[in-house]
C-alpha cells in the first residue's frame, strides 16, 4: 500500500544571529515607514500598518539571505529516507 521511497525525514538549521539581524532590520523599516506615512491617523491603523510592513520586510530579508548569502538564515542540513 505505502511506497517506502516517499517517506523522508530531515533536520534544518537556524542561524539565530542572522535571524535577529533580519528582525532588527525589519523593525527599523516598519517603524520608519509608519512614522513617515501615517501621521495623524488612529493608533489601530498604526498597529496594522506596522505589522504588515514588518511581516513583509522580515520575510523578504530572510528570503534574500537564503538566496544570496553563503550562510543562510534557514537551511535544510540533511534529508534522508525513513525505513
C-alpha atoms as a PDB file:
ATOM      1  CA  UNK A   1       0.000   0.000   0.000  1.00  0.00           C
ATOM      2  CA  UNK A   2       2.649   2.532   1.038  1.00  0.00           C
ATOM      3  CA  UNK A   3       5.564   3.441  -1.140  1.00  0.00           C
ATOM      4  CA  UNK A   4       8.622   3.470   1.130  1.00  0.00           C
ATOM      5  CA  UNK A   5      10.501   5.789  -1.212  1.00  0.00           C
ATOM      6  CA  UNK A   6       8.228   8.718  -0.415  1.00  0.00           C
ATOM      7  CA  UNK A   7       8.863   8.938   3.337  1.00  0.00           C
ATOM      8  CA  UNK A   8      11.707  11.250   4.247  1.00  0.00           C
ATOM      9  CA  UNK A   9      12.967  12.888   7.393  1.00  0.00           C
ATOM     10  CA  UNK A  10      15.475  15.606   7.955  1.00  0.00           C
ATOM     11  CA  UNK A  11      16.521  18.472  10.085  1.00  0.00           C
ATOM     12  CA  UNK A  12      17.136  22.111   9.429  1.00  0.00           C
ATOM     13  CA  UNK A  13      19.425  24.708  10.935  1.00  0.00           C
ATOM     14  CA  UNK A  14      18.605  28.219  12.072  1.00  0.00           C
ATOM     15  CA  UNK A  15      21.204  30.949  12.288  1.00  0.00           C
ATOM     16  CA  UNK A  16      19.828  32.842  15.268  1.00  0.00           C
ATOM     17  CA  UNK A  17      22.223  35.775  14.876  1.00  0.00           C
ATOM     18  CA  UNK A  18      21.208  36.303  11.266  1.00  0.00           C
ATOM     19  CA  UNK A  19      17.518  35.955  12.114  1.00  0.00           C
ATOM     20  CA  UNK A  20      17.937  38.541  14.890  1.00  0.00           C
ATOM     21  CA  UNK A  21      19.657  40.891  12.444  1.00  0.00           C
ATOM     22  CA  UNK A  22      16.828  40.428   9.941  1.00  0.00           C
ATOM     23  CA  UNK A  23      14.316  41.115  12.713  1.00  0.00           C
ATOM     24  CA  UNK A  24      16.043  44.329  13.804  1.00  0.00           C
ATOM     25  CA  UNK A  25      16.233  45.476  10.187  1.00  0.00           C
ATOM     26  CA  UNK A  26      12.523  44.727   9.671  1.00  0.00           C
ATOM     27  CA  UNK A  27      11.651  46.571  12.899  1.00  0.00           C
ATOM     28  CA  UNK A  28      13.591  49.615  11.720  1.00  0.00           C
ATOM     29  CA  UNK A  29      11.976  49.586   8.270  1.00  0.00           C
ATOM     30  CA  UNK A  30       8.477  49.180   9.719  1.00  0.00           C
ATOM     31  CA  UNK A  31       8.996  51.920  12.304  1.00  0.00           C
ATOM     32  CA  UNK A  32      10.356  54.307   9.696  1.00  0.00           C
ATOM     33  CA  UNK A  33       7.538  53.572   7.248  1.00  0.00           C
ATOM     34  CA  UNK A  34       4.819  54.067   9.854  1.00  0.00           C
ATOM     35  CA  UNK A  35       6.435  57.222  11.248  1.00  0.00           C
ATOM     36  CA  UNK A  36       6.767  58.830   7.827  1.00  0.00           C
ATOM     37  CA  UNK A  37       3.456  57.782   6.260  1.00  0.00           C
ATOM     38  CA  UNK A  38       0.806  57.677   8.981  1.00  0.00           C
ATOM     39  CA  UNK A  39       0.886  60.997  10.771  1.00  0.00           C
ATOM     40  CA  UNK A  40      -2.381  61.946  12.431  1.00  0.00           C
ATOM     41  CA  UNK A  41      -4.067  58.580  11.998  1.00  0.00           C
ATOM     42  CA  UNK A  42      -5.663  56.411  14.664  1.00  0.00           C
ATOM     43  CA  UNK A  43      -3.494  54.062  16.739  1.00  0.00           C
ATOM     44  CA  UNK A  44      -5.122  50.901  15.348  1.00  0.00           C
ATOM     45  CA  UNK A  45      -4.149  51.923  11.822  1.00  0.00           C
ATOM     46  CA  UNK A  46      -0.575  52.383  13.045  1.00  0.00           C
ATOM     47  CA  UNK A  47      -0.510  48.876  14.510  1.00  0.00           C
ATOM     48  CA  UNK A  48      -1.961  47.213  11.404  1.00  0.00           C
ATOM     49  CA  UNK A  49       0.433  49.076   9.118  1.00  0.00           C
ATOM     50  CA  UNK A  50       3.402  48.280  11.357  1.00  0.00           C
ATOM     51  CA  UNK A  51       2.591  44.567  11.427  1.00  0.00           C
ATOM     52  CA  UNK A  52       2.061  44.458   7.670  1.00  0.00           C
ATOM     53  CA  UNK A  53       5.303  46.254   6.824  1.00  0.00           C
ATOM     54  CA  UNK A  54       7.239  44.270   9.437  1.00  0.00           C
ATOM     55  CA  UNK A  55       5.957  40.923   8.135  1.00  0.00           C
ATOM     56  CA  UNK A  56       6.704  41.703   4.514  1.00  0.00           C
ATOM     57  CA  UNK A  57      10.154  43.143   5.186  1.00  0.00           C
ATOM     58  CA  UNK A  58      11.120  40.293   7.544  1.00  0.00           C
ATOM     59  CA  UNK A  59      10.078  37.598   5.082  1.00  0.00           C
ATOM     60  CA  UNK A  60      11.801  39.457   2.266  1.00  0.00           C
ATOM     61  CA  UNK A  61      15.095  39.816   4.146  1.00  0.00           C
ATOM     62  CA  UNK A  62      15.079  36.174   5.281  1.00  0.00           C
ATOM     63  CA  UNK A  63      14.273  35.083   1.739  1.00  0.00           C
ATOM     64  CA  UNK A  64      17.054  37.202   0.283  1.00  0.00           C
ATOM     65  CA  UNK A  65      19.598  35.909   2.786  1.00  0.00           C
ATOM     66  CA  UNK A  66      18.600  32.341   1.927  1.00  0.00           C
ATOM     67  CA  UNK A  67      19.038  33.024  -1.780  1.00  0.00           C
ATOM     68  CA  UNK A  68      22.153  35.198  -1.726  1.00  0.00           C
ATOM     69  CA  UNK A  69      24.145  34.523   1.438  1.00  0.00           C
ATOM     70  CA  UNK A  70      26.867  31.930   1.844  1.00  0.00           C
ATOM     71  CA  UNK A  71      25.421  31.152   5.298  1.00  0.00           C
ATOM     72  CA  UNK A  72      21.614  31.375   5.019  1.00  0.00           C
ATOM     73  CA  UNK A  73      19.341  32.029   7.990  1.00  0.00           C
ATOM     74  CA  UNK A  74      17.337  28.849   7.473  1.00  0.00           C
ATOM     75  CA  UNK A  75      18.557  25.780   5.629  1.00  0.00           C
ATOM     76  CA  UNK A  76      17.939  22.052   5.424  1.00  0.00           C
ATOM     77  CA  UNK A  77      21.021  20.289   6.773  1.00  0.00           C
ATOM     78  CA  UNK A  78      20.185  16.708   5.940  1.00  0.00           C
ATOM     79  CA  UNK A  79      17.400  14.835   4.215  1.00  0.00           C
ATOM     80  CA  UNK A  80      17.274  11.039   4.377  1.00  0.00           C
ATOM     81  CA  UNK A  81      14.748   8.275   3.681  1.00  0.00           C
ATOM     82  CA  UNK A  82      12.950   6.713   6.630  1.00  0.00           C
ATOM     83  CA  UNK A  83      12.686   2.944   6.568  1.00  0.00           C
END
